[in-house]
Amino acid sequence: ALIGRYTALVYTIIRNKAGAYCSEEDIEEAVSDVFISFYNNLSNVD
């Protein structure tokens, strides 16, 4: 549910910040890393 709702936001941010220097594969990997990092730090979400 989280990924479905927020993937576009996360993708847009990463694309805007790093897209000129990174490949599409790198951007997609970073998007995945965002959700993994969120899940790993779930206890810190308030």
PDB file of all heavy atoms in Angstrom:
ATOM      1  N   ALA A   1       0.829  -1.207   0.000  1.00  0.00           N
ATOM      2  CA  ALA A   1       0.000   0.000   0.000  1.00  0.00           C
ATOM      3  C   ALA A   1       0.865   1.259   0.000  1.00  0.00           C
ATOM      4  O   ALA A   1       0.606   2.211  -0.743  1.00  0.00           O
ATOM      5  CB  ALA A   1      -0.937  -0.002   1.202  1.00  0.00           C
ATOM      6  N   LEU A   2       1.912   1.269   0.828  1.00  0.00           N
ATOM      7  CA  LEU A   2       2.815   2.423   0.902  1.00  0.00           C
ATOM      8  C   LEU A   2       3.507   2.658  -0.436  1.00  0.00           C
ATOM      9  O   LEU A   2       3.545   3.786  -0.933  1.00  0.00           O
ATOM     10  CB  LEU A   2       3.868   2.179   1.994  1.00  0.00           C
ATOM     11  CG  LEU A   2       4.881   3.307   2.198  1.00  0.00           C
ATOM     12  CD1 LEU A   2       4.253   4.429   2.998  1.00  0.00           C
ATOM     13  CD2 LEU A   2       6.118   2.779   2.904  1.00  0.00           C
ATOM     14  N   ILE A   3       4.018   1.601  -1.021  1.00  0.00           N
ATOM     15  CA  ILE A   3       4.725   1.703  -2.296  1.00  0.00           C
ATOM     16  C   ILE A   3       3.769   2.170  -3.390  1.00  0.00           C
ATOM     17  O   ILE A   3       4.107   3.047  -4.191  1.00  0.00           O
ATOM     18  CB  ILE A   3       5.403   0.366  -2.654  1.00  0.00           C
ATOM     19  CG1 ILE A   3       6.566   0.111  -1.692  1.00  0.00           C
ATOM     20  CG2 ILE A   3       5.867   0.341  -4.093  1.00  0.00           C
ATOM     21  CD1 ILE A   3       7.116  -1.303  -1.720  1.00  0.00           C
ATOM     22  N   GLY A   4       2.576   1.619  -3.402  1.00  0.00           N
ATOM     23  CA  GLY A   4       1.596   2.028  -4.401  1.00  0.00           C
ATOM     24  C   GLY A   4       1.229   3.497  -4.296  1.00  0.00           C
ATOM     25  O   GLY A   4       1.033   4.181  -5.295  1.00  0.00           O
ATOM     26  N   ARG A   5       1.168   3.989  -3.073  1.00  0.00           N
ATOM     27  CA  ARG A   5       0.761   5.382  -2.858  1.00  0.00           C
ATOM     28  C   ARG A   5       1.897   6.378  -3.096  1.00  0.00           C
ATOM     29  O   ARG A   5       1.671   7.480  -3.561  1.00  0.00           O
ATOM     30  CB  ARG A   5       0.215   5.539  -1.454  1.00  0.00           C
ATOM     31  CG  ARG A   5      -0.295   6.919  -1.137  1.00  0.00           C
ATOM     32  CD  ARG A   5      -1.200   6.879   0.065  1.00  0.00           C
ATOM     33  NE  ARG A   5      -1.670   8.181   0.416  1.00  0.00           N
ATOM     34  CZ  ARG A   5      -2.726   8.773  -0.101  1.00  0.00           C
ATOM     35  NH1 ARG A   5      -3.436   8.165  -1.014  1.00  0.00           N
ATOM     36  NH2 ARG A   5      -3.080   9.974   0.282  1.00  0.00           N
ATOM     37  N   TYR A   6       3.118   6.004  -2.742  1.00  0.00           N
ATOM     38  CA  TYR A   6       4.199   6.995  -2.727  1.00  0.00           C
ATOM     39  C   TYR A   6       5.331   6.775  -3.728  1.00  0.00           C
ATOM     40  O   TYR A   6       6.290   7.548  -3.737  1.00  0.00           O
ATOM     41  CB  TYR A   6       4.782   7.094  -1.310  1.00  0.00           C
ATOM     42  CG  TYR A   6       3.809   7.700  -0.330  1.00  0.00           C
ATOM     43  CD1 TYR A   6       3.199   6.923   0.645  1.00  0.00           C
ATOM     44  CD2 TYR A   6       3.486   9.045  -0.389  1.00  0.00           C
ATOM     45  CE1 TYR A   6       2.296   7.470   1.539  1.00  0.00           C
ATOM     46  CE2 TYR A   6       2.591   9.605   0.497  1.00  0.00           C
ATOM     47  CZ  TYR A   6       2.000   8.814   1.462  1.00  0.00           C
ATOM     48  OH  TYR A   6       1.107   9.371   2.333  1.00  0.00           O
ATOM     49  N   THR A   7       5.255   5.775  -4.567  1.00  0.00           N
ATOM     50  CA  THR A   7       6.333   5.539  -5.530  1.00  0.00           C
ATOM     51  C   THR A   7       6.533   6.735  -6.457  1.00  0.00           C
ATOM     52  O   THR A   7       7.672   7.128  -6.728  1.00  0.00           O
ATOM     53  CB  THR A   7       6.071   4.261  -6.347  1.00  0.00           C
ATOM     54  OG1 THR A   7       6.102   3.147  -5.456  1.00  0.00           O
ATOM     55  CG2 THR A   7       7.126   4.062  -7.422  1.00  0.00           C
ATOM     56  N   ALA A   8       5.452   7.325  -6.937  1.00  0.00           N
ATOM     57  CA  ALA A   8       5.583   8.459  -7.853  1.00  0.00           C
ATOM     58  C   ALA A   8       6.308   9.623  -7.190  1.00  0.00           C
ATOM     59  O   ALA A   8       7.173  10.262  -7.806  1.00  0.00           O
ATOM     60  CB  ALA A   8       4.210   8.901  -8.353  1.00  0.00           C
ATOM     61  N   LEU A   9       5.990   9.901  -5.941  1.00  0.00           N
ATOM     62  CA  LEU A   9       6.655  10.984  -5.210  1.00  0.00           C
ATOM     63  C   LEU A   9       8.143  10.693  -5.068  1.00  0.00           C
ATOM     64  O   LEU A   9       8.992  11.538  -5.386  1.00  0.00           O
ATOM     65  CB  LEU A   9       6.010  11.156  -3.833  1.00  0.00           C
ATOM     66  CG  LEU A   9       6.735  12.095  -2.871  1.00  0.00           C
ATOM     67  CD1 LEU A   9       6.633  13.542  -3.355  1.00  0.00           C
ATOM     68  CD2 LEU A   9       6.167  11.967  -1.467  1.00  0.00           C
ATOM     69  N   VAL A  10       8.471   9.499  -4.592  1.00  0.00           N
ATOM     70  CA  VAL A  10       9.870   9.122  -4.373  1.00  0.00           C
ATOM     71  C   VAL A  10      10.642   9.140  -5.692  1.00  0.00           C
ATOM     72  O   VAL A  10      11.757   9.680  -5.768  1.00  0.00           O
ATOM     73  CB  VAL A  10       9.952   7.733  -3.691  1.00  0.00           C
ATOM     74  CG1 VAL A  10      11.374   7.209  -3.655  1.00  0.00           C
ATOM     75  CG2 VAL A  10       9.365   7.795  -2.283  1.00  0.00           C
ATOM     76  N   TYR A  11      10.062   8.567  -6.732  1.00  0.00           N
ATOM     77  CA  TYR A  11      10.711   8.538  -8.044  1.00  0.00           C
ATOM     78  C   TYR A  11      10.987   9.964  -8.541  1.00  0.00           C
ATOM     79  O   TYR A  11      12.080  10.262  -9.031  1.00  0.00           O
ATOM     80  CB  TYR A  11       9.836   7.786  -9.051  1.00  0.00           C
ATOM     81  CG  TYR A  11      10.432   7.737 -10.431  1.00  0.00           C
ATOM     82  CD1 TYR A  11      11.302   6.727 -10.793  1.00  0.00           C
ATOM     83  CD2 TYR A  11      10.140   8.729 -11.372  1.00  0.00           C
ATOM     84  CE1 TYR A  11      11.875   6.689 -12.054  1.00  0.00           C
ATOM     85  CE2 TYR A  11      10.706   8.694 -12.632  1.00  0.00           C
ATOM     86  CZ  TYR A  11      11.565   7.679 -12.969  1.00  0.00           C
ATOM     87  OH  TYR A  11      12.132   7.671 -14.218  1.00  0.00           O
ATOM     88  N   THR A  12       9.992  10.844  -8.419  1.00  0.00           N
ATOM     89  CA  THR A  12      10.145  12.222  -8.897  1.00  0.00           C
ATOM     90  C   THR A  12      11.271  12.939  -8.163  1.00  0.00           C
ATOM     91  O   THR A  12      12.089  13.627  -8.782  1.00  0.00           O
ATOM     92  CB  THR A  12       8.818  12.999  -8.734  1.00  0.00           C
ATOM     93  OG1 THR A  12       7.802  12.328  -9.479  1.00  0.00           O
ATOM     94  CG2 THR A  12       8.951  14.430  -9.223  1.00  0.00           C
ATOM     95  N   ILE A  13      11.343  12.771  -6.864  1.00  0.00           N
ATOM     96  CA  ILE A  13      12.395  13.425  -6.085  1.00  0.00           C
ATOM     97  C   ILE A  13      13.770  12.927  -6.522  1.00  0.00           C
ATOM     98  O   ILE A  13      14.680  13.724  -6.784  1.00  0.00           O
ATOM     99  CB  ILE A  13      12.182  13.191  -4.574  1.00  0.00           C
ATOM    100  CG1 ILE A  13      10.948  13.973  -4.108  1.00  0.00           C
ATOM    101  CG2 ILE A  13      13.418  13.605  -3.776  1.00  0.00           C
ATOM    102  CD1 ILE A  13      10.485  13.605  -2.717  1.00  0.00           C
ATOM    103  N   ILE A  14      13.930  11.628  -6.617  1.00  0.00           N
ATOM    104  CA  ILE A  14      15.231  11.072  -6.993  1.00  0.00           C
ATOM    105  C   ILE A  14      15.587  11.461  -8.417  1.00  0.00           C
ATOM    106  O   ILE A  14      16.718  11.842  -8.697  1.00  0.00           O
ATOM    107  CB  ILE A  14      15.251   9.543  -6.787  1.00  0.00           C
ATOM    108  CG1 ILE A  14      15.148   9.245  -5.294  1.00  0.00           C
ATOM    109  CG2 ILE A  14      16.499   8.926  -7.396  1.00  0.00           C
ATOM    110  CD1 ILE A  14      14.969   7.789  -4.951  1.00  0.00           C
ATOM    111  N   ARG A  15      14.624  11.400  -9.312  1.00  0.00           N
ATOM    112  CA  ARG A  15      14.870  11.773 -10.718  1.00  0.00           C
ATOM    113  C   ARG A  15      15.298  13.236 -10.816  1.00  0.00           C
ATOM    114  O   ARG A  15      16.231  13.568 -11.552  1.00  0.00           O
ATOM    115  CB  ARG A  15      13.603  11.536 -11.537  1.00  0.00           C
ATOM    116  CG  ARG A  15      13.761  11.885 -12.978  1.00  0.00           C
ATOM    117  CD  ARG A  15      13.974  10.604 -13.752  1.00  0.00           C
ATOM    118  NE  ARG A  15      14.009  10.891 -15.152  1.00  0.00           N
ATOM    119  CZ  ARG A  15      15.039  10.584 -15.918  1.00  0.00           C
ATOM    120  NH1 ARG A  15      16.081   9.988 -15.412  1.00  0.00           N
ATOM    121  NH2 ARG A  15      15.024  10.851 -17.195  1.00  0.00           N
ATOM    122  N   ASN A  16      14.631  14.118 -10.060  1.00  0.00           N
ATOM    123  CA  ASN A  16      14.963  15.539 -10.104  1.00  0.00           C
ATOM    124  C   ASN A  16      16.329  15.828  -9.492  1.00  0.00           C
ATOM    125  O   ASN A  16      17.033  16.728  -9.947  1.00  0.00           O
ATOM    126  CB  ASN A  16      13.895  16.363  -9.394  1.00  0.00           C
ATOM    127  CG  ASN A  16      12.613  16.447 -10.180  1.00  0.00           C
ATOM    128  OD1 ASN A  16      12.580  16.201 -11.389  1.00  0.00           O
ATOM    129  ND2 ASN A  16      11.535  16.773  -9.504  1.00  0.00           N
ATOM    130  N   LYS A  17      16.700  15.090  -8.473  1.00  0.00           N
ATOM    131  CA  LYS A  17      17.977  15.337  -7.799  1.00  0.00           C
ATOM    132  C   LYS A  17      19.154  14.678  -8.512  1.00  0.00           C
ATOM    133  O   LYS A  17      20.230  15.245  -8.557  1.00  0.00           O
ATOM    134  CB  LYS A  17      17.935  14.831  -6.354  1.00  0.00           C
ATOM    135  CG  LYS A  17      16.890  15.456  -5.490  1.00  0.00           C
ATOM    136  CD  LYS A  17      17.322  16.794  -5.012  1.00  0.00           C
ATOM    137  CE  LYS A  17      16.271  17.384  -4.084  1.00  0.00           C
ATOM    138  NZ  LYS A  17      16.399  18.805  -3.966  1.00  0.00           N
ATOM    139  N   ALA A  18      18.942  13.470  -9.038  1.00  0.00           N
ATOM    140  CA  ALA A  18      20.086  12.702  -9.545  1.00  0.00           C
ATOM    141  C   ALA A  18      19.951  12.260 -10.991  1.00  0.00           C
ATOM    142  O   ALA A  18      20.883  11.688 -11.537  1.00  0.00           O
ATOM    143  CB  ALA A  18      20.300  11.473  -8.661  1.00  0.00           C
ATOM    144  N   GLY A  19      18.824  12.525 -11.607  1.00  0.00           N
ATOM    145  CA  GLY A  19      18.538  11.999 -12.940  1.00  0.00           C
ATOM    146  C   GLY A  19      19.524  12.377 -14.020  1.00  0.00           C
ATOM    147  O   GLY A  19      19.784  11.599 -14.934  1.00  0.00           O
ATOM    148  N   ALA A  20      20.091  13.558 -13.917  1.00  0.00           N
ATOM    149  CA  ALA A  20      21.028  14.002 -14.951  1.00  0.00           C
ATOM    150  C   ALA A  20      22.339  13.225 -14.903  1.00  0.00           C
ATOM    151  O   ALA A  20      23.068  13.162 -15.886  1.00  0.00           O
ATOM    152  CB  ALA A  20      21.320  15.491 -14.788  1.00  0.00           C
ATOM    153  N   TYR A  21      22.633  12.607 -13.768  1.00  0.00           N
ATOM    154  CA  TYR A  21      23.913  11.934 -13.598  1.00  0.00           C
ATOM    155  C   TYR A  21      23.785  10.421 -13.441  1.00  0.00           C
ATOM    156  O   TYR A  21      24.784   9.720 -13.445  1.00  0.00           O
ATOM    157  CB  TYR A  21      24.643  12.493 -12.370  1.00  0.00           C
ATOM    158  CG  TYR A  21      24.820  13.988 -12.443  1.00  0.00           C
ATOM    159  CD1 TYR A  21      23.961  14.836 -11.763  1.00  0.00           C
ATOM    160  CD2 TYR A  21      25.818  14.541 -13.222  1.00  0.00           C
ATOM    161  CE1 TYR A  21      24.112  16.219 -11.844  1.00  0.00           C
ATOM    162  CE2 TYR A  21      25.974  15.917 -13.313  1.00  0.00           C
ATOM    163  CZ  TYR A  21      25.112  16.747 -12.624  1.00  0.00           C
ATOM    164  OH  TYR A  21      25.259  18.097 -12.706  1.00  0.00           O
ATOM    165  N   CYS A  22      22.555   9.942 -13.261  1.00  0.00           N
ATOM    166  CA  CYS A  22      22.343   8.515 -12.993  1.00  0.00           C
ATOM    167  C   CYS A  22      21.470   7.881 -14.068  1.00  0.00           C
ATOM    168  O   CYS A  22      20.606   8.535 -14.645  1.00  0.00           O
ATOM    169  CB  CYS A  22      21.667   8.334 -11.635  1.00  0.00           C
ATOM    170  SG  CYS A  22      22.695   8.868 -10.254  1.00  0.00           S
ATOM    171  N   SER A  23      21.672   6.603 -14.269  1.00  0.00           N
ATOM    172  CA  SER A  23      20.865   5.863 -15.236  1.00  0.00           C
ATOM    173  C   SER A  23      19.486   5.575 -14.648  1.00  0.00           C
ATOM    174  O   SER A  23      19.270   5.689 -13.437  1.00  0.00           O
ATOM    175  CB  SER A  23      21.554   4.546 -15.593  1.00  0.00           C
ATOM    176  OG  SER A  23      21.516   3.673 -14.484  1.00  0.00           O
ATOM    177  N   GLU A  24      18.581   5.152 -15.514  1.00  0.00           N
ATOM    178  CA  GLU A  24      17.233   4.784 -15.071  1.00  0.00           C
ATOM    179  C   GLU A  24      17.310   3.635 -14.061  1.00  0.00           C
ATOM    180  O   GLU A  24      16.573   3.613 -13.078  1.00  0.00           O
ATOM    181  CB  GLU A  24      16.373   4.389 -16.280  1.00  0.00           C
ATOM    182  CG  GLU A  24      14.929   4.192 -15.961  1.00  0.00           C
ATOM    183  CD  GLU A  24      14.219   5.453 -15.492  1.00  0.00           C
ATOM    184  OE1 GLU A  24      14.618   6.567 -15.879  1.00  0.00           O
ATOM    185  OE2 GLU A  24      13.256   5.306 -14.721  1.00  0.00           O
ATOM    186  N   GLU A  25      18.208   2.713 -14.292  1.00  0.00           N
ATOM    187  CA  GLU A  25      18.394   1.588 -13.381  1.00  0.00           C
ATOM    188  C   GLU A  25      18.852   2.075 -12.005  1.00  0.00           C
ATOM    189  O   GLU A  25      18.381   1.583 -10.970  1.00  0.00           O
ATOM    190  CB  GLU A  25      19.426   0.623 -13.971  1.00  0.00           C
ATOM    191  CG  GLU A  25      19.646  -0.624 -13.145  1.00  0.00           C
ATOM    192  CD  GLU A  25      20.656  -1.547 -13.801  1.00  0.00           C
ATOM    193  OE1 GLU A  25      20.388  -2.037 -14.914  1.00  0.00           O
ATOM    194  OE2 GLU A  25      21.720  -1.770 -13.184  1.00  0.00           O
ATOM    195  N   ASP A  26      19.768   3.041 -11.977  1.00  0.00           N
ATOM    196  CA  ASP A  26      20.235   3.601 -10.710  1.00  0.00           C
ATOM    197  C   ASP A  26      19.096   4.293  -9.963  1.00  0.00           C
ATOM    198  O   ASP A  26      18.986   4.183  -8.740  1.00  0.00           O
ATOM    199  CB  ASP A  26      21.355   4.619 -10.946  1.00  0.00           C
ATOM    200  CG  ASP A  26      22.633   3.971 -11.416  1.00  0.00           C
ATOM    201  OD1 ASP A  26      22.897   2.814 -11.033  1.00  0.00           O
ATOM    202  OD2 ASP A  26      23.371   4.630 -12.174  1.00  0.00           O
ATOM    203  N   ILE A  27      18.255   4.998 -10.704  1.00  0.00           N
ATOM    204  CA  ILE A  27      17.127   5.697 -10.085  1.00  0.00           C
ATOM    205  C   ILE A  27      16.148   4.690  -9.495  1.00  0.00           C
ATOM    206  O   ILE A  27      15.693   4.840  -8.350  1.00  0.00           O
ATOM    207  CB  ILE A  27      16.438   6.624 -11.113  1.00  0.00           C
ATOM    208  CG1 ILE A  27      17.386   7.768 -11.488  1.00  0.00           C
ATOM    209  CG2 ILE A  27      15.120   7.174 -10.555  1.00  0.00           C
ATOM    210  CD1 ILE A  27      16.937   8.578 -12.676  1.00  0.00           C
ATOM    211  N   GLU A  28      15.835   3.640 -10.249  1.00  0.00           N
ATOM    212  CA  GLU A  28      14.918   2.611  -9.758  1.00  0.00           C
ATOM    213  C   GLU A  28      15.496   1.898  -8.527  1.00  0.00           C
ATOM    214  O   GLU A  28      14.768   1.589  -7.586  1.00  0.00           O
ATOM    215  CB  GLU A  28      14.602   1.615 -10.863  1.00  0.00           C
ATOM    216  CG  GLU A  28      13.727   2.215 -11.955  1.00  0.00           C
ATOM    217  CD  GLU A  28      13.552   1.313 -13.167  1.00  0.00           C
ATOM    218  OE1 GLU A  28      14.021   0.154 -13.136  1.00  0.00           O
ATOM    219  OE2 GLU A  28      12.936   1.774 -14.135  1.00  0.00           O
ATOM    220  N   GLU A  29      16.790   1.676  -8.534  1.00  0.00           N
ATOM    221  CA  GLU A  29      17.442   1.060  -7.377  1.00  0.00           C
ATOM    222  C   GLU A  29      17.331   1.974  -6.159  1.00  0.00           C
ATOM    223  O   GLU A  29      17.049   1.521  -5.047  1.00  0.00           O
ATOM    224  CB  GLU A  29      18.916   0.789  -7.692  1.00  0.00           C
ATOM    225  CG  GLU A  29      19.670   0.150  -6.557  1.00  0.00           C
ATOM    226  CD  GLU A  29      21.146  -0.066  -6.897  1.00  0.00           C
ATOM    227  OE1 GLU A  29      21.464  -0.327  -8.067  1.00  0.00           O
ATOM    228  OE2 GLU A  29      21.965   0.022  -5.975  1.00  0.00           O
ATOM    229  N   ALA A  30      17.521   3.269  -6.367  1.00  0.00           N
ATOM    230  CA  ALA A  30      17.407   4.229  -5.271  1.00  0.00           C
ATOM    231  C   ALA A  30      15.978   4.281  -4.728  1.00  0.00           C
ATOM    232  O   ALA A  30      15.774   4.386  -3.520  1.00  0.00           O
ATOM    233  CB  ALA A  30      17.859   5.619  -5.729  1.00  0.00           C
ATOM    234  N   VAL A  31      14.994   4.191  -5.616  1.00  0.00           N
ATOM    235  CA  VAL A  31      13.592   4.173  -5.182  1.00  0.00           C
ATOM    236  C   VAL A  31      13.358   2.964  -4.278  1.00  0.00           C
ATOM    237  O   VAL A  31      12.763   3.083  -3.195  1.00  0.00           O
ATOM    238  CB  VAL A  31      12.625   4.163  -6.388  1.00  0.00           C
ATOM    239  CG1 VAL A  31      11.194   3.883  -5.938  1.00  0.00           C
ATOM    240  CG2 VAL A  31      12.694   5.487  -7.139  1.00  0.00           C
ATOM    241  N   SER A  32      13.845   1.813  -4.683  1.00  0.00           N
ATOM    242  CA  SER A  32      13.716   0.606  -3.852  1.00  0.00           C
ATOM    243  C   SER A  32      14.422   0.787  -2.513  1.00  0.00           C
ATOM    244  O   SER A  32      13.898   0.398  -1.462  1.00  0.00           O
ATOM    245  CB  SER A  32      14.312  -0.598  -4.576  1.00  0.00           C
ATOM    246  OG  SER A  32      13.591  -0.879  -5.738  1.00  0.00           O
ATOM    247  N   ASP A  33      15.596   1.382  -2.560  1.00  0.00           N
ATOM    248  CA  ASP A  33      16.362   1.619  -1.333  1.00  0.00           C
ATOM    249  C   ASP A  33      15.603   2.515  -0.354  1.00  0.00           C
ATOM    250  O   ASP A  33      15.717   2.344   0.865  1.00  0.00           O
ATOM    251  CB  ASP A  33      17.714   2.255  -1.652  1.00  0.00           C
ATOM    252  CG  ASP A  33      18.673   1.306  -2.349  1.00  0.00           C
ATOM    253  OD1 ASP A  33      18.406   0.080  -2.375  1.00  0.00           O
ATOM    254  OD2 ASP A  33      19.685   1.802  -2.893  1.00  0.00           O
ATOM    255  N   VAL A  34      14.839   3.468  -0.875  1.00  0.00           N
ATOM    256  CA  VAL A  34      14.063   4.366  -0.016  1.00  0.00           C
ATOM    257  C   VAL A  34      13.051   3.562   0.798  1.00  0.00           C
ATOM    258  O   VAL A  34      12.939   3.724   2.022  1.00  0.00           O
ATOM    259  CB  VAL A  34      13.344   5.458  -0.846  1.00  0.00           C
ATOM    260  CG1 VAL A  34      12.304   6.195  -0.003  1.00  0.00           C
ATOM    261  CG2 VAL A  34      14.351   6.431  -1.424  1.00  0.00           C
ATOM    262  N   PHE A  35      12.323   2.681   0.136  1.00  0.00           N
ATOM    263  CA  PHE A  35      11.301   1.913   0.835  1.00  0.00           C
ATOM    264  C   PHE A  35      11.918   0.896   1.800  1.00  0.00           C
ATOM    265  O   PHE A  35      11.383   0.661   2.888  1.00  0.00           O
ATOM    266  CB  PHE A  35      10.352   1.246  -0.163  1.00  0.00           C
ATOM    267  CG  PHE A  35       9.485   2.259  -0.865  1.00  0.00           C
ATOM    268  CD1 PHE A  35       9.710   2.593  -2.187  1.00  0.00           C
ATOM    269  CD2 PHE A  35       8.467   2.908  -0.183  1.00  0.00           C
ATOM    270  CE1 PHE A  35       8.933   3.535  -2.825  1.00  0.00           C
ATOM    271  CE2 PHE A  35       7.673   3.854  -0.812  1.00  0.00           C
ATOM    272  CZ  PHE A  35       7.901   4.169  -2.135  1.00  0.00           C
ATOM    273  N   ILE A  36      13.061   0.340   1.438  1.00  0.00           N
ATOM    274  CA  ILE A  36      13.757  -0.575   2.344  1.00  0.00           C
ATOM    275  C   ILE A  36      14.224   0.185   3.585  1.00  0.00           C
ATOM    276  O   ILE A  36      14.047  -0.279   4.720  1.00  0.00           O
ATOM    277  CB  ILE A  36      14.947  -1.258   1.628  1.00  0.00           C
ATOM    278  CG1 ILE A  36      14.432  -2.217   0.564  1.00  0.00           C
ATOM    279  CG2 ILE A  36      15.863  -1.975   2.632  1.00  0.00           C
ATOM    280  CD1 ILE A  36      15.492  -2.727  -0.399  1.00  0.00           C
ATOM    281  N   SER A  37      14.793   1.360   3.370  1.00  0.00           N
ATOM    282  CA  SER A  37      15.259   2.178   4.485  1.00  0.00           C
ATOM    283  C   SER A  37      14.096   2.589   5.386  1.00  0.00           C
ATOM    284  O   SER A  37      14.211   2.561   6.618  1.00  0.00           O
ATOM    285  CB  SER A  37      15.972   3.420   3.944  1.00  0.00           C
ATOM    286  OG  SER A  37      16.428   4.223   5.000  1.00  0.00           O
ATOM    287  N   PHE A  38      12.973   2.961   4.771  1.00  0.00           N
ATOM    288  CA  PHE A  38      11.782   3.318   5.552  1.00  0.00           C
ATOM    289  C   PHE A  38      11.372   2.136   6.430  1.00  0.00           C
ATOM    290  O   PHE A  38      11.154   2.286   7.624  1.00  0.00           O
ATOM    291  CB  PHE A  38      10.633   3.718   4.630  1.00  0.00           C
ATOM    292  CG  PHE A  38       9.365   4.030   5.365  1.00  0.00           C
ATOM    293  CD1 PHE A  38       9.138   5.301   5.869  1.00  0.00           C
ATOM    294  CD2 PHE A  38       8.402   3.047   5.579  1.00  0.00           C
ATOM    295  CE1 PHE A  38       7.981   5.589   6.571  1.00  0.00           C
ATOM    296  CE2 PHE A  38       7.246   3.324   6.278  1.00  0.00           C
ATOM    297  CZ  PHE A  38       7.026   4.607   6.777  1.00  0.00           C
ATOM    298  N   TYR A  39      11.288   0.961   5.845  1.00  0.00           N
ATOM    299  CA  TYR A  39      10.865  -0.229   6.591  1.00  0.00           C
ATOM    300  C   TYR A  39      11.853  -0.561   7.712  1.00  0.00           C
ATOM    301  O   TYR A  39      11.457  -0.885   8.825  1.00  0.00           O
ATOM    302  CB  TYR A  39      10.700  -1.428   5.650  1.00  0.00           C
ATOM    303  CG  TYR A  39      10.169  -2.643   6.360  1.00  0.00           C
ATOM    304  CD1 TYR A  39       8.825  -2.733   6.698  1.00  0.00           C
ATOM    305  CD2 TYR A  39      11.016  -3.692   6.711  1.00  0.00           C
ATOM    306  CE1 TYR A  39       8.330  -3.845   7.368  1.00  0.00           C
ATOM    307  CE2 TYR A  39      10.530  -4.801   7.378  1.00  0.00           C
ATOM    308  CZ  TYR A  39       9.193  -4.870   7.704  1.00  0.00           C
ATOM    309  OH  TYR A  39       8.704  -5.963   8.379  1.00  0.00           O
ATOM    310  N   ASN A  40      13.138  -0.452   7.414  1.00  0.00           N
ATOM    311  CA  ASN A  40      14.151  -0.757   8.423  1.00  0.00           C
ATOM    312  C   ASN A  40      14.148   0.230   9.582  1.00  0.00           C
ATOM    313  O   ASN A  40      14.643  -0.085  10.664  1.00  0.00           O
ATOM    314  CB  ASN A  40      15.543  -0.815   7.789  1.00  0.00           C
ATOM    315  CG  ASN A  40      15.725  -2.031   6.913  1.00  0.00           C
ATOM    316  OD1 ASN A  40      15.028  -3.030   7.056  1.00  0.00           O
ATOM    317  ND2 ASN A  40      16.647  -1.950   5.968  1.00  0.00           N
ATOM    318  N   ASN A  41      13.630   1.422   9.363  1.00  0.00           N
ATOM    319  CA  ASN A  41      13.590   2.453  10.397  1.00  0.00           C
ATOM    320  C   ASN A  41      12.156   2.762  10.830  1.00  0.00           C
ATOM    321  O   ASN A  41      11.881   3.857  11.308  1.00  0.00           O
ATOM    322  CB  ASN A  41      14.279   3.721   9.894  1.00  0.00           C
ATOM    323  CG  ASN A  41      15.756   3.488   9.684  1.00  0.00           C
ATOM    324  OD1 ASN A  41      16.488   3.276  10.629  1.00  0.00           O
ATOM    325  ND2 ASN A  41      16.181   3.489   8.429  1.00  0.00           N
ATOM    326  N   LEU A  42      11.282   1.812  10.664  1.00  0.00           N
ATOM    327  CA  LEU A  42       9.860   1.981  10.971  1.00  0.00           C
ATOM    328  C   LEU A  42       9.629   2.437  12.406  1.00  0.00           C
ATOM    329  O   LEU A  42       8.727   3.233  12.671  1.00  0.00           O
ATOM    330  CB  LEU A  42       9.132   0.666  10.690  1.00  0.00           C
ATOM    331  CG  LEU A  42       7.631   0.692  10.644  1.00  0.00           C
ATOM    332  CD1 LEU A  42       7.133   1.662   9.568  1.00  0.00           C
ATOM    333  CD2 LEU A  42       7.089  -0.700  10.360  1.00  0.00           C
ATOM    334  N   SER A  43      10.442   1.979  13.327  1.00  0.00           N
ATOM    335  CA  SER A  43      10.264   2.337  14.735  1.00  0.00           C
ATOM    336  C   SER A  43      10.496   3.833  14.979  1.00  0.00           C
ATOM    337  O   SER A  43      10.033   4.377  15.987  1.00  0.00           O
ATOM    338  CB  SER A  43      11.202   1.518  15.616  1.00  0.00           C
ATOM    339  OG  SER A  43      12.549   1.784  15.275  1.00  0.00           O
ATOM    340  N   ASN A  44      11.168   4.512  14.067  1.00  0.00           N
ATOM    341  CA  ASN A  44      11.432   5.943  14.220  1.00  0.00           C
ATOM    342  C   ASN A  44      10.333   6.824  13.634  1.00  0.00           C
ATOM    343  O   ASN A  44      10.371   8.036  13.794  1.00  0.00           O
ATOM    344  CB  ASN A  44      12.760   6.311  13.553  1.00  0.00           C
ATOM    345  CG  ASN A  44      13.933   5.627  14.213  1.00  0.00           C
ATOM    346  OD1 ASN A  44      13.931   5.363  15.400  1.00  0.00           O
ATOM    347  ND2 ASN A  44      14.940   5.305  13.419  1.00  0.00           N
ATOM    348  N   VAL A  45       9.365   6.225  12.935  1.00  0.00           N
ATOM    349  CA  VAL A  45       8.311   7.002  12.282  1.00  0.00           C
ATOM    350  C   VAL A  45       7.295   7.442  13.323  1.00  0.00           C
ATOM    351  O   VAL A  45       6.703   6.617  14.023  1.00  0.00           O
ATOM    352  CB  VAL A  45       7.632   6.188  11.158  1.00  0.00           C
ATOM    353  CG1 VAL A  45       6.488   6.972  10.549  1.00  0.00           C
ATOM    354  CG2 VAL A  45       8.649   5.811  10.088  1.00  0.00           C
ATOM    355  N   ASP A  46       7.110   8.757  13.411  1.00  0.00           N
ATOM    356  CA  ASP A  46       6.151   9.354  14.342  1.00  0.00           C
ATOM    357  C   ASP A  46       5.312  10.342  13.545  1.00  0.00           C
ATOM    358  O   ASP A  46       5.796  11.414  13.167  1.00  0.00           O
ATOM    359  CB  ASP A  46       6.906  10.054  15.471  1.00  0.00           C
ATOM    360  CG  ASP A  46       5.994  10.731  16.477  1.00  0.00           C
ATOM    361  OD1 ASP A  46       4.747  10.631  16.341  1.00  0.00           O
ATOM    362  OD2 ASP A  46       6.531  11.362  17.409  1.00  0.00           O
TER     363      ASP A  46
END
